[in-house]
């Protein structure tokens, strides 16, 4: 049985997934240490960039990106490039210069890549589990 999801519902779903991932960050990143210990999720020399909403959005985005990059490595998915960088800073700074829609799209595309990897690893099938949406 197929499911059609509107663009706005897809964006809401991506944000919800992101929030779920973020909620698990303390457990997943207990051993995390930034390459720059003083990195504080601030924009150097750009007061406009220190608007709390944008800063908070980019902080959460960077943490989600890091968790996704770590999963890529942990499960040997093999994805490469800047999208799969393990450190927070490049993701945070990228987010600073793009729209909210671009941020949501990037999280969603990485999540899709990871799901394809998990499917190759033998993700559960609806018929086997009896689970239906």
Protein backbone atom coordinates (compact mmCIF):
# COMPACT_ATOMS: atom_id res chain seq x y z
CA UNK A 1 0.00 0.00 0.00
CA UNK A 2 1.63 3.29 -1.11
CA UNK A 3 1.50 6.55 0.71
CA UNK A 4 1.52 10.01 -0.87
CA UNK A 5 3.08 12.71 1.27
CA UNK A 6 2.83 16.40 0.44
CA UNK A 7 5.94 18.58 0.41
CA UNK A 8 4.89 20.38 3.60
CA UNK A 9 4.09 17.08 5.34
CA UNK A 10 7.49 15.81 4.22
CA UNK A 11 9.15 18.88 5.74
CA UNK A 12 7.25 18.37 8.99
CA UNK A 13 8.29 14.71 8.99
CA UNK A 14 11.94 15.64 8.42
CA UNK A 15 11.84 18.13 11.30
CA UNK A 16 10.13 15.56 13.55
CA UNK A 17 12.77 12.96 12.70
CA UNK A 18 15.43 15.56 13.37
CA UNK A 19 13.95 16.38 16.76
CA UNK A 20 13.83 12.68 17.65
CA UNK A 21 17.47 12.28 16.66
CA UNK A 22 18.39 15.41 18.59
CA UNK A 23 16.64 14.09 21.69
CA UNK A 24 18.97 11.10 21.61
CA UNK A 25 22.12 13.20 21.13
CA UNK A 26 23.30 13.15 24.76
CA UNK A 27 23.41 9.35 24.71
CA UNK A 28 24.96 9.14 21.23
CA UNK A 29 27.61 11.81 21.61
CA UNK A 30 28.86 11.37 25.15
CA UNK A 31 32.40 11.00 23.87
CA UNK A 32 32.25 13.94 21.45
CA UNK A 33 34.96 16.56 21.66
CA UNK A 34 35.11 19.36 19.13
CA UNK A 35 38.37 19.81 17.27
CA UNK A 36 38.16 23.38 18.57
CA UNK A 37 37.14 23.04 22.23
CA UNK A 38 36.01 26.68 22.34
CA UNK A 39 33.52 26.26 19.45
CA UNK A 40 30.37 27.79 20.86
CA UNK A 41 27.86 27.92 18.01
CA UNK A 42 28.32 31.62 17.39
CA UNK A 43 28.99 33.55 14.21
CA UNK A 44 32.28 35.40 14.47
CA UNK A 45 32.05 39.07 13.46
CA UNK A 46 28.48 38.96 12.17
CA UNK A 47 25.95 40.27 14.67
CA UNK A 48 23.09 39.63 12.24
CA UNK A 49 24.05 35.96 12.32
CA UNK A 50 23.72 35.82 16.07
CA UNK A 51 19.95 36.10 15.87
CA UNK A 52 18.86 33.44 18.35
CA UNK A 53 16.45 31.58 16.04
CA UNK A 54 18.98 31.12 13.24
CA UNK A 55 21.76 30.23 15.67
CA UNK A 56 19.56 27.66 17.43
CA UNK A 57 18.37 26.20 14.14
CA UNK A 58 21.93 25.82 12.86
CA UNK A 59 23.14 24.33 16.15
CA UNK A 60 20.45 21.63 16.01
CA UNK A 61 21.08 21.07 12.29
CA UNK A 62 24.83 20.58 12.91
CA UNK A 63 24.17 18.06 15.67
CA UNK A 64 21.75 16.09 13.48
CA UNK A 65 24.27 16.15 10.62
CA UNK A 66 26.97 14.83 12.95
CA UNK A 67 24.76 11.96 14.17
CA UNK A 68 23.90 11.10 10.56
CA UNK A 69 27.59 11.18 9.55
CA UNK A 70 28.47 8.95 12.49
CA UNK A 71 25.77 6.45 11.43
CA UNK A 72 27.22 6.48 7.90
CA UNK A 73 30.57 5.38 9.32
CA UNK A 74 29.24 3.02 11.97
CA UNK A 75 27.18 1.02 9.48
CA UNK A 76 29.76 1.23 6.67
CA UNK A 77 27.35 2.94 4.29
CA UNK A 78 30.24 4.39 2.31
CA UNK A 79 28.85 7.87 1.65
CA UNK A 80 31.54 10.53 1.22
CA UNK A 81 31.89 14.26 0.78
CA UNK A 82 31.21 17.39 2.79
CA UNK A 83 27.66 16.21 3.51
CA UNK A 84 29.15 13.40 5.61
CA UNK A 85 31.69 15.45 7.62
CA UNK A 86 31.89 14.28 11.26
CA UNK A 87 32.63 17.63 12.89
CA UNK A 88 29.96 20.15 13.87
CA UNK A 89 31.62 23.31 12.61
CA UNK A 90 31.33 22.85 8.82
CA UNK A 91 27.65 21.94 9.11
CA UNK A 92 26.95 24.89 11.41
CA UNK A 93 28.69 27.36 9.11
CA UNK A 94 27.00 25.95 5.98
CA UNK A 95 23.62 26.35 7.65
CA UNK A 96 24.37 30.02 8.33
CA UNK A 97 24.31 30.85 4.63
CA UNK A 98 21.31 28.88 3.37
CA UNK A 99 17.55 29.03 3.68
CA UNK A 100 15.48 27.00 6.16
CA UNK A 101 14.13 24.98 3.24
CA UNK A 102 17.70 24.05 2.24
CA UNK A 103 18.44 22.90 5.78
CA UNK A 104 15.31 20.70 5.91
CA UNK A 105 16.11 19.28 2.47
CA UNK A 106 19.68 18.44 3.47
CA UNK A 107 18.57 16.58 6.62
CA UNK A 108 15.93 14.72 4.63
CA UNK A 109 18.36 13.74 1.85
CA UNK A 110 20.93 12.40 4.32
CA UNK A 111 18.15 10.48 6.11
CA UNK A 112 17.09 8.99 2.77
CA UNK A 113 20.65 7.94 1.98
CA UNK A 114 20.96 6.30 5.38
CA UNK A 115 17.65 4.49 4.97
CA UNK A 116 18.83 3.07 1.63
CA UNK A 117 21.96 1.86 3.44
CA UNK A 118 19.89 0.30 6.22
CA UNK A 119 17.68 -1.38 3.62
CA UNK A 120 20.80 -2.98 2.10
CA UNK A 121 21.71 -4.20 5.58
CA UNK A 122 18.34 -5.93 5.90
CA UNK A 123 15.91 -3.45 7.41
CA UNK A 124 12.60 -4.90 8.63
CA UNK A 125 9.94 -5.56 6.04
CA UNK A 126 6.29 -4.78 6.82
CA UNK A 127 5.19 -8.33 5.95
CA UNK A 128 7.69 -9.85 8.38
CA UNK A 129 6.84 -7.65 11.35
CA UNK A 130 3.13 -7.16 10.79
CA UNK A 131 3.68 -3.43 11.32
CA UNK A 132 1.55 -1.19 9.11
CA UNK A 133 1.42 2.59 8.87
